[in-house]
């Protein structure tokens, strides 16, 4: 089913992700439908194809089906008032969707190590309904080392990592709240998308969901 959700327009793309059972959270679908992917893909790209798109500086925006999977896995930890960290925020597209989900009573932090991408993502987000969350300080994107997360605004109910770590970063695990969840690709030549749940007592449960291919977390 993956890679088959192309749309002639954005509404069709989101609808196809739902029809194929990839975007299974109604709340995630509602938020996603308000953040047009076209604003985050450079001119000449194919924003409504279910494929990664180059966004410059050696970075990509992931395929929509991967965004759909990650949103669905994190949806229960992206309720209004919760906090979320997006590591390797890149284009800012998924960060904006997260921000709409946690809303004005929640907190959204994006970290990206390429300053130009941070600047571009802020410009794009300001053109969406998430722009008001930038204005009121409930959405912030910082230039930072993704492997270190952003402890100053943590801990977080949800952490999404948009690039592959060679191994699970301790700093990110430490910034996850008890009962929080992280979705992260782990590996080098062979990668797995892993759900990391921090239990009430602080212990960790890891679940391998699928094989993936992401750019490295650098």
N, C-alpha and C. Protein backbone atom coordinates (compact mmCIF):
# COMPACT_ATOMS: atom_id res chain seq x y z
N UNK A 1 0.82 -1.19 0.00
CA UNK A 1 0.00 0.00 0.00
C UNK A 1 0.86 1.25 0.00
N UNK A 2 2.04 1.15 0.58
CA UNK A 2 2.92 2.31 0.59
C UNK A 2 3.34 2.67 -0.83
N UNK A 3 3.64 3.94 -1.02
CA UNK A 3 4.08 4.49 -2.29
C UNK A 3 2.96 4.54 -3.33
N UNK A 4 1.70 4.32 -2.92
CA UNK A 4 0.62 4.30 -3.89
C UNK A 4 -0.45 5.34 -3.57
N UNK A 5 -0.10 6.32 -2.79
CA UNK A 5 -1.10 7.27 -2.31
C UNK A 5 -1.02 8.62 -3.01
N UNK A 6 -0.40 8.66 -4.20
CA UNK A 6 -0.30 9.91 -4.94
C UNK A 6 -1.67 10.57 -5.09
N UNK A 7 -1.65 11.90 -5.12
CA UNK A 7 -2.89 12.62 -5.34
C UNK A 7 -2.74 13.65 -6.44
N UNK A 8 -3.83 13.93 -7.13
CA UNK A 8 -3.82 15.02 -8.11
C UNK A 8 -3.80 16.36 -7.39
N UNK A 9 -4.24 16.37 -6.14
CA UNK A 9 -4.21 17.57 -5.31
C UNK A 9 -4.00 17.12 -3.87
N UNK A 10 -3.91 18.08 -2.97
CA UNK A 10 -3.58 17.72 -1.59
C UNK A 10 -4.70 16.95 -0.91
N UNK A 11 -5.93 17.37 -1.12
CA UNK A 11 -7.05 16.67 -0.50
C UNK A 11 -7.08 15.21 -0.91
N UNK A 12 -6.79 14.94 -2.18
CA UNK A 12 -6.79 13.56 -2.67
C UNK A 12 -5.65 12.77 -2.04
N UNK A 13 -4.49 13.39 -1.87
CA UNK A 13 -3.36 12.72 -1.23
C UNK A 13 -3.73 12.30 0.19
N UNK A 14 -4.28 13.22 0.98
CA UNK A 14 -4.66 12.89 2.35
C UNK A 14 -5.73 11.81 2.37
N UNK A 15 -6.69 11.92 1.46
CA UNK A 15 -7.75 10.92 1.38
C UNK A 15 -7.20 9.54 1.06
N UNK A 16 -6.24 9.47 0.15
CA UNK A 16 -5.66 8.18 -0.21
C UNK A 16 -4.87 7.57 0.94
N UNK A 17 -4.20 8.40 1.73
CA UNK A 17 -3.50 7.89 2.91
C UNK A 17 -4.49 7.27 3.89
N UNK A 18 -5.66 7.87 3.99
CA UNK A 18 -6.70 7.31 4.87
C UNK A 18 -7.29 6.03 4.29
N UNK A 19 -7.56 6.03 3.01
CA UNK A 19 -8.17 4.86 2.37
C UNK A 19 -7.29 3.62 2.48
N UNK A 20 -5.98 3.83 2.45
CA UNK A 20 -5.05 2.70 2.53
C UNK A 20 -4.70 2.32 3.97
N UNK A 21 -5.35 2.97 4.93
CA UNK A 21 -5.13 2.61 6.33
C UNK A 21 -3.81 3.10 6.90
N UNK A 22 -3.16 4.01 6.22
CA UNK A 22 -1.87 4.53 6.68
C UNK A 22 -2.07 5.66 7.67
N UNK A 23 -2.95 6.58 7.33
CA UNK A 23 -3.28 7.70 8.21
C UNK A 23 -4.55 7.31 8.96
N UNK A 24 -4.37 6.60 10.06
CA UNK A 24 -5.51 5.97 10.75
C UNK A 24 -6.12 6.85 11.84
N UNK A 25 -5.45 7.91 12.22
CA UNK A 25 -5.95 8.80 13.26
C UNK A 25 -6.80 9.92 12.64
N UNK A 26 -8.07 10.03 13.01
CA UNK A 26 -8.89 11.14 12.48
C UNK A 26 -8.34 12.50 12.86
N UNK A 27 -7.79 12.62 14.08
CA UNK A 27 -7.24 13.90 14.52
C UNK A 27 -6.01 14.27 13.70
N UNK A 28 -5.17 13.29 13.40
CA UNK A 28 -3.99 13.55 12.58
C UNK A 28 -4.40 13.93 11.16
N UNK A 29 -5.40 13.24 10.62
CA UNK A 29 -5.87 13.55 9.27
C UNK A 29 -6.44 14.96 9.20
N UNK A 30 -7.17 15.36 10.22
CA UNK A 30 -7.75 16.71 10.24
C UNK A 30 -6.66 17.77 10.27
N UNK A 31 -5.63 17.55 11.09
CA UNK A 31 -4.53 18.51 11.16
C UNK A 31 -3.72 18.52 9.87
N UNK A 32 -3.43 17.33 9.34
CA UNK A 32 -2.66 17.22 8.12
C UNK A 32 -3.35 17.93 6.96
N UNK A 33 -4.66 17.85 6.90
CA UNK A 33 -5.40 18.44 5.79
C UNK A 33 -5.30 19.96 5.77
N UNK A 34 -4.90 20.55 6.90
CA UNK A 34 -4.81 22.01 6.99
C UNK A 34 -3.43 22.55 6.65
N UNK A 35 -2.43 21.67 6.47
CA UNK A 35 -1.05 22.09 6.21
C UNK A 35 -0.65 21.59 4.82
N UNK A 36 -0.84 22.42 3.81
CA UNK A 36 -0.61 22.01 2.43
C UNK A 36 0.88 21.72 2.20
N UNK A 37 1.16 20.48 1.83
CA UNK A 37 2.54 20.04 1.61
C UNK A 37 3.25 20.88 0.53
N UNK A 38 2.47 21.42 -0.39
CA UNK A 38 3.05 22.21 -1.49
C UNK A 38 3.89 23.37 -0.98
N UNK A 39 3.52 23.94 0.14
CA UNK A 39 4.24 25.09 0.69
C UNK A 39 5.63 24.72 1.16
N UNK A 40 5.89 23.42 1.36
CA UNK A 40 7.14 22.97 1.96
C UNK A 40 8.05 22.26 0.96
N UNK A 41 7.61 22.16 -0.28
CA UNK A 41 8.40 21.52 -1.34
C UNK A 41 8.83 22.59 -2.33
N UNK A 42 10.13 22.67 -2.66
CA UNK A 42 10.60 23.70 -3.59
C UNK A 42 9.88 23.64 -4.93
N UNK A 43 9.81 24.78 -5.57
CA UNK A 43 9.18 24.88 -6.89
C UNK A 43 9.83 23.88 -7.86
N UNK A 44 9.01 23.19 -8.62
CA UNK A 44 9.49 22.16 -9.52
C UNK A 44 9.40 20.77 -8.94
N UNK A 45 9.14 20.67 -7.63
CA UNK A 45 8.97 19.38 -7.00
C UNK A 45 7.57 18.83 -7.23
N UNK A 46 7.33 17.66 -6.67
CA UNK A 46 6.04 16.98 -6.83
C UNK A 46 5.44 16.77 -5.44
N UNK A 47 4.83 17.80 -4.88
CA UNK A 47 4.41 17.74 -3.47
C UNK A 47 3.33 16.72 -3.18
N UNK A 48 2.53 16.34 -4.20
CA UNK A 48 1.42 15.44 -3.95
C UNK A 48 1.71 14.01 -4.41
N UNK A 49 2.96 13.76 -4.80
CA UNK A 49 3.39 12.38 -5.06
C UNK A 49 3.77 11.73 -3.73
N UNK A 50 3.49 10.45 -3.62
CA UNK A 50 3.84 9.73 -2.39
C UNK A 50 5.29 9.27 -2.49
N UNK A 51 6.19 10.24 -2.44
CA UNK A 51 7.62 9.98 -2.57
C UNK A 51 8.37 11.11 -1.88
N UNK A 52 9.59 10.83 -1.40
CA UNK A 52 10.40 11.91 -0.81
C UNK A 52 10.69 12.98 -1.86
N UNK A 53 10.89 14.20 -1.39
CA UNK A 53 11.24 15.31 -2.28
C UNK A 53 12.47 16.02 -1.73
N UNK A 54 13.36 16.38 -2.63
CA UNK A 54 14.58 17.11 -2.25
C UNK A 54 14.21 18.53 -1.84
N UNK A 55 14.74 18.98 -0.70
CA UNK A 55 14.46 20.34 -0.24
C UNK A 55 15.73 21.18 -0.14
N UNK A 56 16.84 20.64 -0.64
CA UNK A 56 18.10 21.39 -0.64
C UNK A 56 18.97 21.04 0.55
N UNK A 57 20.27 21.40 0.43
CA UNK A 57 21.24 21.22 1.51
C UNK A 57 21.40 19.75 1.90
N UNK A 58 21.19 18.86 0.93
CA UNK A 58 21.34 17.44 1.16
C UNK A 58 20.21 16.82 1.95
N UNK A 59 19.10 17.53 2.09
CA UNK A 59 17.98 17.06 2.90
C UNK A 59 16.77 16.75 2.02
N UNK A 60 15.84 15.99 2.57
CA UNK A 60 14.60 15.67 1.88
C UNK A 60 13.43 15.84 2.84
N UNK A 61 12.24 15.98 2.26
CA UNK A 61 11.00 15.84 3.01
C UNK A 61 10.52 14.42 2.74
N UNK A 62 10.20 13.69 3.80
CA UNK A 62 9.86 12.27 3.67
C UNK A 62 8.61 12.08 2.82
N UNK A 63 8.44 10.85 2.33
CA UNK A 63 7.24 10.50 1.58
C UNK A 63 6.01 10.65 2.47
N UNK A 64 4.89 11.08 1.90
CA UNK A 64 3.67 11.26 2.71
C UNK A 64 3.25 10.03 3.48
N UNK A 65 3.46 8.83 2.92
CA UNK A 65 3.03 7.65 3.67
C UNK A 65 3.83 7.47 4.95
N UNK A 66 5.11 7.89 4.95
CA UNK A 66 5.88 7.80 6.18
C UNK A 66 5.39 8.82 7.20
N UNK A 67 5.01 10.01 6.74
CA UNK A 67 4.42 10.98 7.65
C UNK A 67 3.12 10.44 8.23
N UNK A 68 2.32 9.80 7.38
CA UNK A 68 1.05 9.23 7.84
C UNK A 68 1.25 8.17 8.90
N UNK A 69 2.21 7.27 8.67
CA UNK A 69 2.50 6.23 9.66
C UNK A 69 2.95 6.86 10.99
N UNK A 70 3.88 7.80 10.93
CA UNK A 70 4.42 8.38 12.16
C UNK A 70 3.35 9.17 12.92
N UNK A 71 2.53 9.92 12.20
CA UNK A 71 1.45 10.64 12.86
C UNK A 71 0.50 9.69 13.57
N UNK A 72 0.17 8.60 12.91
CA UNK A 72 -0.76 7.64 13.51
C UNK A 72 -0.16 6.97 14.73
N UNK A 73 1.13 6.67 14.69
CA UNK A 73 1.79 6.03 15.83
C UNK A 73 1.88 6.97 17.04
N UNK A 74 1.94 8.28 16.77
CA UNK A 74 2.12 9.26 17.84
C UNK A 74 0.83 9.95 18.26
N UNK A 75 -0.26 9.69 17.56
CA UNK A 75 -1.48 10.48 17.74
C UNK A 75 -1.97 10.54 19.18
N UNK A 76 -1.88 9.44 19.93
CA UNK A 76 -2.35 9.44 21.31
C UNK A 76 -1.47 10.28 22.23
N UNK A 77 -0.32 10.70 21.73
CA UNK A 77 0.61 11.52 22.50
C UNK A 77 0.71 12.94 21.93
N UNK A 78 -0.24 13.27 21.07
CA UNK A 78 -0.30 14.59 20.43
C UNK A 78 -1.66 15.24 20.69
N UNK A 79 -2.19 15.02 21.87
CA UNK A 79 -3.47 15.61 22.24
C UNK A 79 -3.28 17.08 22.62
N UNK A 80 -4.35 17.88 22.56
CA UNK A 80 -4.24 19.29 22.98
C UNK A 80 -3.63 19.41 24.37
N UNK A 81 -2.67 20.32 24.50
CA UNK A 81 -2.00 20.56 25.76
C UNK A 81 -0.74 19.77 25.97
N UNK A 82 -0.46 18.80 25.09
CA UNK A 82 0.76 18.01 25.22
C UNK A 82 1.95 18.70 24.56
N UNK A 83 3.14 18.14 24.76
CA UNK A 83 4.36 18.73 24.20
C UNK A 83 5.02 17.73 23.26
N UNK A 84 5.61 18.26 22.17
CA UNK A 84 6.20 17.40 21.16
C UNK A 84 7.51 18.00 20.66
N UNK A 85 8.49 17.14 20.43
CA UNK A 85 9.78 17.51 19.87
C UNK A 85 9.93 16.84 18.51
N UNK A 86 10.22 17.63 17.49
CA UNK A 86 10.46 17.11 16.15
C UNK A 86 11.94 17.27 15.83
N UNK A 87 12.67 16.17 15.82
CA UNK A 87 14.12 16.18 15.61
C UNK A 87 14.41 16.01 14.12
N UNK A 88 15.23 16.91 13.57
CA UNK A 88 15.45 16.93 12.13
C UNK A 88 14.22 17.47 11.43
N UNK A 89 13.77 18.62 11.89
CA UNK A 89 12.48 19.17 11.43
C UNK A 89 12.48 19.54 9.96
N UNK A 90 13.65 19.75 9.37
CA UNK A 90 13.76 19.91 7.91
C UNK A 90 12.87 20.99 7.34
N UNK A 91 11.94 20.59 6.49
CA UNK A 91 11.06 21.54 5.82
C UNK A 91 10.11 22.23 6.79
N UNK A 92 9.85 21.61 7.94
CA UNK A 92 8.90 22.15 8.90
C UNK A 92 7.48 21.66 8.71
N UNK A 93 7.25 20.86 7.68
CA UNK A 93 5.89 20.40 7.37
C UNK A 93 5.27 19.59 8.51
N UNK A 94 5.96 18.55 8.94
CA UNK A 94 5.39 17.71 9.99
C UNK A 94 5.36 18.45 11.32
N UNK A 95 6.32 19.33 11.54
CA UNK A 95 6.32 20.14 12.76
C UNK A 95 5.05 20.96 12.85
N UNK A 96 4.63 21.52 11.72
CA UNK A 96 3.41 22.32 11.69
C UNK A 96 2.17 21.47 11.98
N UNK A 97 2.15 20.24 11.45
CA UNK A 97 1.03 19.35 11.72
C UNK A 97 0.98 19.01 13.21
N UNK A 98 2.13 18.69 13.79
CA UNK A 98 2.20 18.42 15.23
C UNK A 98 1.64 19.61 16.02
N UNK A 99 2.04 20.81 15.62
CA UNK A 99 1.64 22.01 16.36
C UNK A 99 0.13 22.18 16.35
N UNK A 100 -0.51 21.91 15.23
CA UNK A 100 -1.98 22.00 15.20
C UNK A 100 -2.61 20.96 16.10
N UNK A 101 -2.01 19.80 16.20
CA UNK A 101 -2.59 18.74 17.02
C UNK A 101 -2.51 19.07 18.52
N UNK A 102 -1.39 19.60 18.98
CA UNK A 102 -1.27 19.92 20.42
C UNK A 102 -1.85 21.29 20.74
N UNK A 103 -1.97 22.14 19.72
CA UNK A 103 -2.70 23.38 19.85
C UNK A 103 -2.05 24.47 20.68
N UNK A 104 -2.86 25.47 21.02
CA UNK A 104 -2.38 26.66 21.72
C UNK A 104 -2.09 26.40 23.19
N UNK A 105 -2.58 25.29 23.72
CA UNK A 105 -2.25 24.94 25.10
C UNK A 105 -1.08 23.97 25.16
N UNK A 106 -0.60 23.54 24.03
CA UNK A 106 0.53 22.64 23.96
C UNK A 106 1.80 23.36 23.55
N UNK A 107 2.86 22.57 23.40
CA UNK A 107 4.18 23.12 23.04
C UNK A 107 4.81 22.25 21.96
N UNK A 108 5.28 22.89 20.91
CA UNK A 108 5.93 22.18 19.81
C UNK A 108 7.31 22.77 19.59
N UNK A 109 8.31 21.89 19.56
CA UNK A 109 9.69 22.31 19.34
C UNK A 109 10.25 21.52 18.16
N UNK A 110 10.82 22.22 17.20
CA UNK A 110 11.56 21.59 16.12
C UNK A 110 13.03 21.91 16.24
N UNK A 111 13.89 20.94 15.96
CA UNK A 111 15.33 21.19 15.93
C UNK A 111 15.88 20.69 14.60
N UNK A 112 16.73 21.51 14.02
CA UNK A 112 17.31 21.24 12.71
C UNK A 112 18.71 21.84 12.69
N UNK A 113 19.70 21.09 12.19
CA UNK A 113 21.07 21.58 12.27
C UNK A 113 21.47 22.47 11.10
N UNK A 114 20.62 22.60 10.09
CA UNK A 114 20.94 23.44 8.93
C UNK A 114 20.18 24.76 9.05
N UNK A 115 20.89 25.87 9.30
CA UNK A 115 20.21 27.15 9.54
C UNK A 115 19.29 27.58 8.40
N UNK A 116 19.73 27.34 7.16
CA UNK A 116 18.90 27.76 6.03
C UNK A 116 17.55 27.03 6.01
N UNK A 117 17.55 25.76 6.39
CA UNK A 117 16.29 25.02 6.44
C UNK A 117 15.38 25.55 7.55
N UNK A 118 15.97 25.93 8.67
CA UNK A 118 15.17 26.53 9.74
C UNK A 118 14.50 27.80 9.23
N UNK A 119 15.26 28.64 8.55
CA UNK A 119 14.70 29.89 8.01
C UNK A 119 13.58 29.61 7.01
N UNK A 120 13.82 28.67 6.10
CA UNK A 120 12.80 28.34 5.09
C UNK A 120 11.56 27.75 5.74
N UNK A 121 11.75 26.92 6.74
CA UNK A 121 10.60 26.29 7.39
C UNK A 121 9.73 27.32 8.09
N UNK A 122 10.33 28.30 8.70
CA UNK A 122 9.56 29.34 9.39
C UNK A 122 8.75 30.15 8.40
N UNK A 123 9.34 30.48 7.25
CA UNK A 123 8.62 31.21 6.21
C UNK A 123 7.42 30.40 5.74
N UNK A 124 7.61 29.09 5.53
CA UNK A 124 6.52 28.24 5.06
C UNK A 124 5.42 28.11 6.11
N UNK A 125 5.81 27.86 7.35
CA UNK A 125 4.82 27.68 8.41
C UNK A 125 3.96 28.92 8.59
N UNK A 126 4.55 30.09 8.40
CA UNK A 126 3.79 31.34 8.56
C UNK A 126 2.66 31.47 7.54
N UNK A 127 2.71 30.67 6.48
CA UNK A 127 1.66 30.69 5.47
C UNK A 127 0.54 29.69 5.78
N UNK A 128 0.62 29.03 6.92
CA UNK A 128 -0.35 28.00 7.29
C UNK A 128 -1.08 28.40 8.58
N UNK A 129 -2.12 27.66 8.95
CA UNK A 129 -2.78 27.95 10.23
C UNK A 129 -1.89 27.79 11.46
N UNK A 130 -0.75 27.11 11.32
CA UNK A 130 0.18 26.97 12.44
C UNK A 130 1.00 28.24 12.66
N UNK A 131 0.90 29.19 11.74
CA UNK A 131 1.68 30.41 11.86
C UNK A 131 1.37 31.17 13.14
N UNK A 132 0.13 31.14 13.58
CA UNK A 132 -0.23 31.85 14.81
C UNK A 132 0.46 31.25 16.02
N UNK A 133 0.78 29.95 15.95
CA UNK A 133 1.47 29.30 17.06
C UNK A 133 2.94 29.70 17.11
N UNK A 134 3.51 30.04 15.96
CA UNK A 134 4.84 30.65 15.94
C UNK A 134 4.79 32.02 16.61
N UNK A 135 3.74 32.78 16.29
CA UNK A 135 3.63 34.15 16.81
C UNK A 135 3.46 34.17 18.32
N UNK A 136 2.72 33.21 18.87
CA UNK A 136 2.48 33.24 20.32
C UNK A 136 3.47 32.40 21.12
N UNK A 137 4.48 31.84 20.44
CA UNK A 137 5.55 31.14 21.13
C UNK A 137 5.26 29.71 21.51
N UNK A 138 4.13 29.16 21.04
CA UNK A 138 3.83 27.76 21.34
C UNK A 138 4.40 26.80 20.29
N UNK A 139 5.02 27.36 19.27
CA UNK A 139 5.78 26.60 18.28
C UNK A 139 7.10 27.32 18.06
N UNK A 140 8.19 26.59 18.25
CA UNK A 140 9.53 27.17 18.06
C UNK A 140 10.39 26.18 17.30
N UNK A 141 11.23 26.70 16.41
CA UNK A 141 12.18 25.87 15.67
C UNK A 141 13.58 26.44 15.90
N UNK A 142 14.50 25.58 16.31
CA UNK A 142 15.83 26.00 16.69
C UNK A 142 16.89 25.32 15.83
N UNK A 143 17.99 26.02 15.62
CA UNK A 143 19.18 25.41 15.03
C UNK A 143 19.90 24.68 16.16
N UNK A 144 19.98 23.36 16.06
CA UNK A 144 20.57 22.57 17.14
C UNK A 144 20.95 21.20 16.63
N UNK A 145 21.76 20.51 17.42
CA UNK A 145 22.18 19.14 17.13
C UNK A 145 21.04 18.20 17.51
N UNK A 146 20.44 17.56 16.52
CA UNK A 146 19.27 16.73 16.76
C UNK A 146 19.53 15.59 17.73
N UNK A 147 20.73 15.04 17.74
CA UNK A 147 21.03 13.91 18.63
C UNK A 147 20.94 14.32 20.10
N UNK A 148 21.06 15.63 20.35
CA UNK A 148 20.99 16.13 21.72
C UNK A 148 19.59 16.59 22.09
N UNK A 149 18.69 16.62 21.12
CA UNK A 149 17.33 17.05 21.38
C UNK A 149 17.27 18.52 21.75
N UNK A 150 16.35 18.86 22.65
CA UNK A 150 16.25 20.24 23.14
C UNK A 150 15.71 20.19 24.57
N UNK A 151 16.64 19.91 25.50
CA UNK A 151 16.25 19.66 26.89
C UNK A 151 15.60 20.86 27.55
N UNK A 152 15.93 22.07 27.10
CA UNK A 152 15.42 23.28 27.74
C UNK A 152 13.90 23.35 27.72
N UNK A 153 13.25 22.72 26.72
CA UNK A 153 11.79 22.77 26.62
C UNK A 153 11.14 21.43 26.96
N UNK A 154 11.94 20.45 27.36
CA UNK A 154 11.41 19.14 27.69
C UNK A 154 10.99 19.04 29.14
N UNK A 155 10.56 17.86 29.57
CA UNK A 155 10.43 16.63 28.77
C UNK A 155 9.18 16.67 27.89
N UNK A 156 9.09 15.70 26.97
CA UNK A 156 8.08 15.72 25.93
C UNK A 156 7.18 14.48 26.00
N UNK A 157 5.91 14.70 25.66
CA UNK A 157 4.98 13.58 25.53
C UNK A 157 5.26 12.77 24.27
N UNK A 158 5.72 13.45 23.23
CA UNK A 158 6.00 12.79 21.94
C UNK A 158 7.29 13.32 21.37
N UNK A 159 8.09 12.43 20.81
CA UNK A 159 9.30 12.81 20.06
C UNK A 159 9.26 12.09 18.73
N UNK A 160 9.42 12.86 17.67
CA UNK A 160 9.54 12.30 16.32
C UNK A 160 10.93 12.61 15.80
N UNK A 161 11.58 11.61 15.23
CA UNK A 161 12.91 11.80 14.66
C UNK A 161 12.83 11.51 13.17
N UNK A 162 13.19 12.50 12.37
CA UNK A 162 13.01 12.41 10.92
C UNK A 162 14.25 12.01 10.16
N UNK A 163 15.26 11.49 10.85
CA UNK A 163 16.48 11.00 10.21
C UNK A 163 16.98 9.82 11.03
N UNK A 164 17.77 8.96 10.39
CA UNK A 164 18.17 7.70 11.01
C UNK A 164 19.39 7.88 11.92
N UNK A 165 19.23 7.45 13.17
CA UNK A 165 20.34 7.42 14.11
C UNK A 165 21.02 6.05 14.04
N UNK A 166 22.34 6.04 14.14
CA UNK A 166 23.06 4.76 14.11
C UNK A 166 22.64 3.89 15.30
N UNK A 167 22.37 4.53 16.43
CA UNK A 167 21.85 3.83 17.61
C UNK A 167 20.95 4.81 18.35
N UNK A 168 20.15 4.29 19.25
CA UNK A 168 19.17 5.11 19.96
C UNK A 168 19.88 6.14 20.82
N UNK A 169 19.64 7.46 20.58
CA UNK A 169 20.34 8.50 21.36
C UNK A 169 19.81 8.58 22.79
N UNK A 170 20.70 8.45 23.77
CA UNK A 170 20.30 8.51 25.17
C UNK A 170 19.65 9.84 25.52
N UNK A 171 20.15 10.93 24.92
CA UNK A 171 19.62 12.25 25.24
C UNK A 171 18.14 12.34 24.90
N UNK A 172 17.74 11.73 23.81
CA UNK A 172 16.33 11.79 23.41
C UNK A 172 15.48 10.91 24.34
N UNK A 173 15.98 9.76 24.69
CA UNK A 173 15.25 8.90 25.64
C UNK A 173 15.04 9.63 26.96
N UNK A 174 16.07 10.35 27.41
CA UNK A 174 16.00 11.07 28.68
C UNK A 174 14.99 12.21 28.63
N UNK A 175 14.75 12.75 27.45
CA UNK A 175 13.82 13.88 27.31
C UNK A 175 12.37 13.45 27.08
N UNK A 176 12.14 12.15 27.12
CA UNK A 176 10.79 11.62 26.95
C UNK A 176 10.13 11.48 28.33
N UNK A 177 8.89 11.97 28.45
CA UNK A 177 8.16 11.85 29.71
C UNK A 177 7.79 10.39 29.99
N UNK A 178 7.60 10.03 31.25
CA UNK A 178 6.95 8.75 31.53
C UNK A 178 5.58 8.72 30.84
N UNK A 179 5.27 7.59 30.24
CA UNK A 179 4.07 7.41 29.40
C UNK A 179 4.19 8.13 28.05
N UNK A 180 5.38 8.64 27.74
CA UNK A 180 5.61 9.28 26.45
C UNK A 180 6.05 8.27 25.40
N UNK A 181 6.05 8.74 24.15
CA UNK A 181 6.40 7.85 23.03
C UNK A 181 7.30 8.58 22.04
N UNK A 182 8.30 7.87 21.55
CA UNK A 182 9.17 8.36 20.48
C UNK A 182 9.09 7.41 19.29
N UNK A 183 9.09 7.98 18.10
CA UNK A 183 9.20 7.20 16.87
C UNK A 183 10.49 7.63 16.19
N UNK A 184 11.38 6.65 15.92
CA UNK A 184 12.71 6.97 15.43
C UNK A 184 13.22 5.86 14.51
N UNK A 185 13.79 6.24 13.35
CA UNK A 185 14.48 5.24 12.53
C UNK A 185 15.89 5.00 13.08
N UNK A 186 16.27 3.75 13.22
CA UNK A 186 17.57 3.40 13.80
C UNK A 186 18.28 2.43 12.88
N UNK A 187 19.57 2.70 12.62
CA UNK A 187 20.38 1.82 11.80
C UNK A 187 21.22 2.61 10.82
N UNK A 188 22.08 1.90 10.10
CA UNK A 188 22.93 2.54 9.10
C UNK A 188 22.51 2.05 7.72
N UNK A 189 23.14 1.02 7.22
CA UNK A 189 22.76 0.50 5.90
C UNK A 189 21.39 -0.15 5.94
N UNK A 190 21.07 -0.78 7.07
CA UNK A 190 19.74 -1.37 7.28
C UNK A 190 19.08 -0.64 8.45
N UNK A 191 17.89 -0.11 8.23
CA UNK A 191 17.24 0.71 9.25
C UNK A 191 15.87 0.14 9.60
N UNK A 192 15.48 0.33 10.86
CA UNK A 192 14.15 -0.03 11.34
C UNK A 192 13.49 1.19 11.93
N UNK A 193 12.20 1.34 11.69
CA UNK A 193 11.42 2.36 12.39
C UNK A 193 10.98 1.75 13.71
N UNK A 194 11.38 2.40 14.80
CA UNK A 194 11.17 1.86 16.13
C UNK A 194 10.27 2.78 16.95
N UNK A 195 9.31 2.20 17.64
CA UNK A 195 8.53 2.91 18.64
C UNK A 195 9.20 2.69 19.99
N UNK A 196 9.50 3.78 20.67
CA UNK A 196 10.08 3.73 22.01
C UNK A 196 9.05 4.28 22.98
N UNK A 197 8.52 3.43 23.84
CA UNK A 197 7.58 3.84 24.87
C UNK A 197 8.29 3.89 26.21
N UNK A 198 8.19 5.03 26.89
CA UNK A 198 8.72 5.12 28.25
C UNK A 198 7.57 4.83 29.21
N UNK A 199 7.73 3.80 30.02
CA UNK A 199 6.67 3.38 30.92
C UNK A 199 6.65 4.26 32.18
N UNK A 200 5.62 4.09 32.97
CA UNK A 200 5.42 4.93 34.15
C UNK A 200 6.62 4.88 35.09
N UNK A 201 7.27 3.72 35.19
CA UNK A 201 8.42 3.58 36.10
C UNK A 201 9.74 4.02 35.47
N UNK A 202 9.66 4.56 34.24
CA UNK A 202 10.87 5.05 33.58
C UNK A 202 11.57 4.03 32.71
N UNK A 203 11.12 2.79 32.74
CA UNK A 203 11.72 1.77 31.88
C UNK A 203 11.26 1.97 30.44
N UNK A 204 11.98 1.33 29.52
CA UNK A 204 11.76 1.54 28.09
C UNK A 204 11.28 0.25 27.42
N UNK A 205 10.28 0.40 26.56
CA UNK A 205 9.84 -0.72 25.73
C UNK A 205 10.03 -0.31 24.27
N UNK A 206 10.74 -1.14 23.51
CA UNK A 206 11.02 -0.85 22.10
C UNK A 206 10.26 -1.84 21.21
N UNK A 207 9.63 -1.30 20.18
CA UNK A 207 8.88 -2.12 19.24
C UNK A 207 9.31 -1.78 17.82
N UNK A 208 9.78 -2.76 17.08
CA UNK A 208 10.17 -2.55 15.69
C UNK A 208 8.91 -2.63 14.82
N UNK A 209 8.67 -1.57 14.04
CA UNK A 209 7.45 -1.51 13.23
C UNK A 209 7.67 -1.91 11.78
N UNK A 210 8.76 -1.46 11.17
CA UNK A 210 8.98 -1.75 9.75
C UNK A 210 10.39 -1.35 9.35
N UNK A 211 10.86 -1.93 8.26
CA UNK A 211 12.12 -1.50 7.66
C UNK A 211 11.91 -0.21 6.90
N UNK A 212 12.87 0.70 6.97
CA UNK A 212 12.74 2.02 6.34
C UNK A 212 14.08 2.44 5.74
N UNK A 213 14.05 3.54 5.03
CA UNK A 213 15.28 4.14 4.54
C UNK A 213 15.19 5.65 4.71
N UNK A 214 15.95 6.21 5.64
CA UNK A 214 15.98 7.64 5.93
C UNK A 214 17.41 8.15 5.71
N UNK A 215 17.53 9.47 5.53
CA UNK A 215 18.84 10.07 5.52
C UNK A 215 19.42 10.01 6.93
N UNK A 216 20.75 10.01 7.09
CA UNK A 216 21.35 9.89 8.42
C UNK A 216 21.08 11.11 9.30
N UNK A 217 20.97 10.87 10.59
CA UNK A 217 20.89 11.96 11.58
C UNK A 217 22.30 12.45 11.83
N UNK A 218 22.58 13.68 11.40
CA UNK A 218 23.95 14.23 11.51
C UNK A 218 23.92 15.53 12.29
